[in-house]
Amino acid sequence: MRVRSLIVGIAALLLAVPATAVGQVAFGPQLSFGGDTDLGIGGRVLANVESLEHWDFIGTFDVWFPDDDGGTDVSAWEINGNLAYNFVVENSELNPYAGAGLSIFHISVESDGPGPDFDDTDLGLNLFGGLKFPGESITPFVEVRAVLEAADQVVVTGGILF
């Protein structure tokens, strides 16, 4: 029940940030590894929220490639919408951030044998933290995210933003 209340609260917060409040936008590829879904490849968009100092909106999409257990075809994808707070660290090249958001996770299983086929889409909660490493034309990042309710896993993601 608490997770569902947090999901509703975060959804309301994400919807409350008007599109006109978005400042600088960056995008780029990312590579993820999930505890249950194995390898994920996707993209990320990061937009500064001008009306909220030190806050960014982070949107991601990943296609997952989970190991099949012989005789099954498993496919999965995930869409995330998150708000991140950027901590100010004096005299440091690192830019740490942390936040929360929503996850929509879809999995599809097709069995070659007698097992059942199924499709499932769930809404979940993201809690995450990461580091951005500023560069001249690209910004590498690394992030650890706990997904609650939907995929129920820990995900490590890295990539670059342009």
C-alpha atoms as a PDB file:
ATOM      1  CA  MET A   1       0.000   0.000   0.000  1.00  0.00           C
ATOM      2  CA  ARG A   2       2.832   2.416   0.813  1.00  0.00           C
ATOM      3  CA  VAL A   3       4.494   1.790  -2.556  1.00  0.00           C
ATOM      4  CA  ARG A   4       1.239   2.544  -4.373  1.00  0.00           C
ATOM      5  CA  SER A   5       0.840   5.790  -2.389  1.00  0.00           C
ATOM      6  CA  LEU A   6       4.403   6.792  -3.315  1.00  0.00           C
ATOM      7  CA  ILE A   7       3.697   6.011  -6.975  1.00  0.00           C
ATOM      8  CA  VAL A   8       0.602   8.222  -6.950  1.00  0.00           C
ATOM      9  CA  GLY A   9       2.533  11.044  -5.242  1.00  0.00           C
ATOM     10  CA  ILE A  10       5.412  10.887  -7.704  1.00  0.00           C
ATOM     11  CA  ALA A  11       2.996  10.759 -10.660  1.00  0.00           C
ATOM     12  CA  ALA A  12       1.331  13.924  -9.372  1.00  0.00           C
ATOM     13  CA  LEU A  13       4.730  15.611  -8.986  1.00  0.00           C
ATOM     14  CA  LEU A  14       5.818  14.632 -12.514  1.00  0.00           C
ATOM     15  CA  LEU A  15       2.559  15.944 -13.945  1.00  0.00           C
ATOM     16  CA  ALA A  16       2.875  19.202 -11.983  1.00  0.00           C
ATOM     17  CA  VAL A  17       6.094  20.217 -13.789  1.00  0.00           C
ATOM     18  CA  PRO A  18       4.845  22.235 -16.760  1.00  0.00           C
ATOM     19  CA  ALA A  19       6.467  21.676 -20.152  1.00  0.00           C
ATOM     20  CA  THR A  20       7.300  25.379 -20.385  1.00  0.00           C
ATOM     21  CA  ALA A  21       9.573  25.027 -17.349  1.00  0.00           C
ATOM     22  CA  VAL A  22      12.029  22.821 -19.232  1.00  0.00           C
ATOM     23  CA  GLY A  23      15.437  24.368 -19.922  1.00  0.00           C
ATOM     24  CA  GLN A  24      18.537  22.766 -21.427  1.00  0.00           C
ATOM     25  CA  VAL A  25      17.981  19.298 -22.918  1.00  0.00           C
ATOM     26  CA  ALA A  26      20.551  16.492 -23.395  1.00  0.00           C
ATOM     27  CA  PHE A  27      20.123  13.004 -24.790  1.00  0.00           C
ATOM     28  CA  GLY A  28      22.193   9.896 -25.442  1.00  0.00           C
ATOM     29  CA  PRO A  29      22.535   6.118 -25.358  1.00  0.00           C
ATOM     30  CA  GLN A  30      22.717   3.998 -22.241  1.00  0.00           C
ATOM     31  CA  LEU A  31      23.622   0.422 -21.338  1.00  0.00           C
ATOM     32  CA  SER A  32      21.978  -1.213 -18.322  1.00  0.00           C
ATOM     33  CA  PHE A  33      22.327  -4.415 -16.340  1.00  0.00           C
ATOM     34  CA  GLY A  34      19.356  -5.580 -14.256  1.00  0.00           C
ATOM     35  CA  GLY A  35      19.437  -8.219 -11.560  1.00  0.00           C
ATOM     36  CA  ASP A  36      16.535 -10.121 -13.177  1.00  0.00           C
ATOM     37  CA  THR A  37      16.455  -8.826 -16.749  1.00  0.00           C
ATOM     38  CA  ASP A  38      20.176  -9.037 -17.578  1.00  0.00           C
ATOM     39  CA  LEU A  39      21.326  -6.710 -20.387  1.00  0.00           C
ATOM     40  CA  GLY A  40      19.380  -3.629 -21.478  1.00  0.00           C
ATOM     41  CA  ILE A  41      20.088  -1.158 -24.265  1.00  0.00           C
ATOM     42  CA  GLY A  42      18.284   2.134 -24.530  1.00  0.00           C
ATOM     43  CA  GLY A  43      18.249   5.877 -24.601  1.00  0.00           C
ATOM     44  CA  ARG A  44      17.929   8.745 -22.163  1.00  0.00           C
ATOM     45  CA  VAL A  45      16.748  12.329 -22.282  1.00  0.00           C
ATOM     46  CA  LEU A  46      17.612  14.790 -19.522  1.00  0.00           C
ATOM     47  CA  ALA A  47      15.931  18.181 -19.261  1.00  0.00           C
ATOM     48  CA  ASN A  48      16.718  20.846 -16.677  1.00  0.00           C
ATOM     49  CA  VAL A  49      13.608  22.071 -14.882  1.00  0.00           C
ATOM     50  CA  GLU A  50      14.143  25.842 -14.869  1.00  0.00           C
ATOM     51  CA  SER A  51      11.383  26.536 -12.370  1.00  0.00           C
ATOM     52  CA  LEU A  52      13.012  24.190  -9.819  1.00  0.00           C
ATOM     53  CA  GLU A  53      16.677  25.002  -9.224  1.00  0.00           C
ATOM     54  CA  HIS A  54      18.970  21.932  -9.190  1.00  0.00           C
ATOM     55  CA  TRP A  55      16.238  19.599 -10.561  1.00  0.00           C
ATOM     56  CA  ASP A  56      16.229  17.564 -13.782  1.00  0.00           C
ATOM     57  CA  PHE A  57      13.609  15.443 -15.515  1.00  0.00           C
ATOM     58  CA  ILE A  58      15.122  12.151 -16.740  1.00  0.00           C
ATOM     59  CA  GLY A  59      13.223  10.009 -19.226  1.00  0.00           C
ATOM     60  CA  THR A  60      14.566   6.618 -20.317  1.00  0.00           C
ATOM     61  CA  PHE A  61      13.597   3.701 -22.514  1.00  0.00           C
ATOM     62  CA  ASP A  62      15.318   0.306 -22.374  1.00  0.00           C
ATOM     63  CA  VAL A  63      14.864  -2.905 -24.320  1.00  0.00           C
ATOM     64  CA  TRP A  64      15.905  -5.842 -22.145  1.00  0.00           C
ATOM     65  CA  PHE A  65      17.441  -9.127 -23.289  1.00  0.00           C
ATOM     66  CA  PRO A  66      16.731 -11.582 -20.456  1.00  0.00           C
ATOM     67  CA  ASP A  67      18.209 -15.069 -20.616  1.00  0.00           C
ATOM     68  CA  ASP A  68      15.631 -17.577 -21.702  1.00  0.00           C
ATOM     69  CA  ASP A  69      15.380 -20.778 -19.726  1.00  0.00           C
ATOM     70  CA  GLY A  70      15.348 -23.078 -22.759  1.00  0.00           C
ATOM     71  CA  GLY A  71      12.192 -23.432 -24.779  1.00  0.00           C
ATOM     72  CA  THR A  72      10.897 -19.933 -24.029  1.00  0.00           C
ATOM     73  CA  ASP A  73      11.169 -16.628 -25.859  1.00  0.00           C
ATOM     74  CA  VAL A  74      11.326 -13.778 -23.318  1.00  0.00           C
ATOM     75  CA  SER A  75      11.249 -10.095 -24.283  1.00  0.00           C
ATOM     76  CA  ALA A  76      10.956  -7.034 -22.071  1.00  0.00           C
ATOM     77  CA  TRP A  77      11.015  -3.239 -22.230  1.00  0.00           C
ATOM     78  CA  GLU A  78      10.815  -0.419 -19.715  1.00  0.00           C
ATOM     79  CA  ILE A  79       9.927   3.288 -19.791  1.00  0.00           C
ATOM     80  CA  ASN A  80      10.924   5.552 -16.887  1.00  0.00           C
ATOM     81  CA  GLY A  81      10.020   9.127 -15.937  1.00  0.00           C
ATOM     82  CA  ASN A  82      12.078  10.486 -13.043  1.00  0.00           C
ATOM     83  CA  LEU A  83      12.878  13.699 -11.176  1.00  0.00           C
ATOM     84  CA  ALA A  84      16.461  14.065  -9.967  1.00  0.00           C
ATOM     85  CA  TYR A  85      17.995  16.548  -7.547  1.00  0.00           C
ATOM     86  CA  ASN A  86      21.552  17.647  -8.438  1.00  0.00           C
ATOM     87  CA  PHE A  87      23.709  18.113  -5.348  1.00  0.00           C
ATOM     88  CA  VAL A  88      26.126  21.031  -5.353  1.00  0.00           C
ATOM     89  CA  VAL A  89      29.648  19.867  -4.466  1.00  0.00           C
ATOM     90  CA  GLU A  90      32.251  22.629  -4.257  1.00  0.00           C
ATOM     91  CA  ASN A  91      35.624  22.065  -5.980  1.00  0.00           C
ATOM     92  CA  SER A  92      34.648  18.711  -7.487  1.00  0.00           C
ATOM     93  CA  GLU A  93      34.443  17.430 -11.038  1.00  0.00           C
ATOM     94  CA  LEU A  94      31.719  14.965 -10.017  1.00  0.00           C
ATOM     95  CA  ASN A  95      28.048  15.910 -10.103  1.00  0.00           C
ATOM     96  CA  PRO A  96      26.061  13.566  -7.831  1.00  0.00           C
ATOM     97  CA  TYR A  97      22.289  13.299  -8.127  1.00  0.00           C
ATOM     98  CA  ALA A  98      19.453  11.305  -6.554  1.00  0.00           C
ATOM     99  CA  GLY A  99      15.751  11.035  -7.125  1.00  0.00           C
ATOM    100  CA  ALA A 100      12.612   9.032  -7.682  1.00  0.00           C
ATOM    101  CA  GLY A 101      10.145   8.373 -10.442  1.00  0.00           C
ATOM    102  CA  LEU A 102       7.839   5.981 -12.190  1.00  0.00           C
ATOM    103  CA  SER A 103       8.573   2.845 -14.175  1.00  0.00           C
ATOM    104  CA  ILE A 104       6.369   1.074 -16.714  1.00  0.00           C
ATOM    105  CA  PHE A 105       7.748  -2.441 -17.240  1.00  0.00           C
ATOM    106  CA  HIS A 106       6.481  -4.905 -19.856  1.00  0.00           C
ATOM    107  CA  ILE A 107       7.441  -8.557 -20.216  1.00  0.00           C
ATOM    108  CA  SER A 108       6.265 -11.089 -22.776  1.00  0.00           C
ATOM    109  CA  VAL A 109       6.919 -14.830 -22.569  1.00  0.00           C
ATOM    110  CA  GLU A 110       6.217 -17.296 -25.373  1.00  0.00           C
ATOM    111  CA  SER A 111       6.764 -20.959 -24.591  1.00  0.00           C
ATOM    112  CA  ASP A 112       7.641 -23.618 -27.158  1.00  0.00           C
ATOM    113  CA  GLY A 113       6.443 -26.316 -24.783  1.00  0.00           C
ATOM    114  CA  PRO A 114       3.396 -26.910 -22.631  1.00  0.00           C
ATOM    115  CA  GLY A 115       4.046 -23.832 -20.465  1.00  0.00           C
ATOM    116  CA  PRO A 116       1.672 -20.864 -20.682  1.00  0.00           C
ATOM    117  CA  ASP A 117       2.354 -17.740 -22.729  1.00  0.00           C
ATOM    118  CA  PHE A 118       1.766 -14.377 -21.089  1.00  0.00           C
ATOM    119  CA  ASP A 119       2.130 -10.615 -21.428  1.00  0.00           C
ATOM    120  CA  ASP A 120       2.326  -8.403 -18.360  1.00  0.00           C
ATOM    121  CA  THR A 121       2.715  -4.633 -17.903  1.00  0.00           C
ATOM    122  CA  ASP A 122       3.206  -3.145 -14.438  1.00  0.00           C
ATOM    123  CA  LEU A 123       3.687   0.298 -12.924  1.00  0.00           C
ATOM    124  CA  GLY A 124       6.505   0.668 -10.405  1.00  0.00           C
ATOM    125  CA  LEU A 125       8.572   3.109  -8.383  1.00  0.00           C
ATOM    126  CA  ASN A 126      12.202   4.072  -9.073  1.00  0.00           C
ATOM    127  CA  LEU A 127      14.616   5.197  -6.366  1.00  0.00           C
ATOM    128  CA  PHE A 128      18.062   6.054  -7.717  1.00  0.00           C
ATOM    129  CA  GLY A 129      21.343   7.846  -7.362  1.00  0.00           C
ATOM    130  CA  GLY A 130      24.174   8.527  -9.746  1.00  0.00           C
ATOM    131  CA  LEU A 131      27.121  10.587 -10.863  1.00  0.00           C
ATOM    132  CA  LYS A 132      27.623  12.774 -13.935  1.00  0.00           C
ATOM    133  CA  PHE A 133      31.175  13.380 -15.131  1.00  0.00           C
ATOM    134  CA  PRO A 134      31.188  16.716 -16.982  1.00  0.00           C
ATOM    135  CA  GLY A 135      33.021  16.907 -20.275  1.00  0.00           C
ATOM    136  CA  GLU A 136      33.344  19.460 -23.048  1.00  0.00           C
ATOM    137  CA  SER A 137      30.888  17.970 -25.549  1.00  0.00           C
ATOM    138  CA  ILE A 138      29.662  14.802 -23.818  1.00  0.00           C
ATOM    139  CA  THR A 139      28.658  14.000 -20.249  1.00  0.00           C
ATOM    140  CA  PRO A 140      29.275  10.399 -19.123  1.00  0.00           C
ATOM    141  CA  PHE A 141      27.094   9.141 -16.283  1.00  0.00           C
ATOM    142  CA  VAL A 142      26.642   6.097 -14.061  1.00  0.00           C
ATOM    143  CA  GLU A 143      23.540   5.330 -12.005  1.00  0.00           C
ATOM    144  CA  VAL A 144      22.163   2.706  -9.604  1.00  0.00           C
ATOM    145  CA  ARG A 145      18.384   2.338  -9.498  1.00  0.00           C
ATOM    146  CA  ALA A 146      16.075   0.212  -7.370  1.00  0.00           C
ATOM    147  CA  VAL A 147      12.813  -0.617  -9.131  1.00  0.00           C
ATOM    148  CA  LEU A 148      10.001  -1.456  -6.714  1.00  0.00           C
ATOM    149  CA  GLU A 149       6.699  -3.108  -7.602  1.00  0.00           C
ATOM    150  CA  ALA A 150       7.117  -3.435 -11.408  1.00  0.00           C
ATOM    151  CA  ALA A 151      10.344  -5.326 -12.162  1.00  0.00           C
ATOM    152  CA  ASP A 152      11.491  -5.567  -8.501  1.00  0.00           C
ATOM    153  CA  GLN A 153      15.203  -5.408  -9.282  1.00  0.00           C
ATOM    154  CA  VAL A 154      18.367  -3.362  -8.931  1.00  0.00           C
ATOM    155  CA  VAL A 155      19.657  -1.822 -12.173  1.00  0.00           C
ATOM    156  CA  VAL A 156      23.110  -0.383 -12.904  1.00  0.00           C
ATOM    157  CA  THR A 157      23.153   2.002 -15.882  1.00  0.00           C
ATOM    158  CA  GLY A 158      25.903   3.886 -17.650  1.00  0.00           C
ATOM    159  CA  GLY A 159      26.042   6.017 -20.744  1.00  0.00           C
ATOM    160  CA  ILE A 160      26.740   9.385 -22.270  1.00  0.00           C
ATOM    161  CA  LEU A 161      24.700  12.522 -22.862  1.00  0.00           C
ATOM    162  CA  PHE A 162      25.187  14.984 -25.731  1.00  0.00           C
END
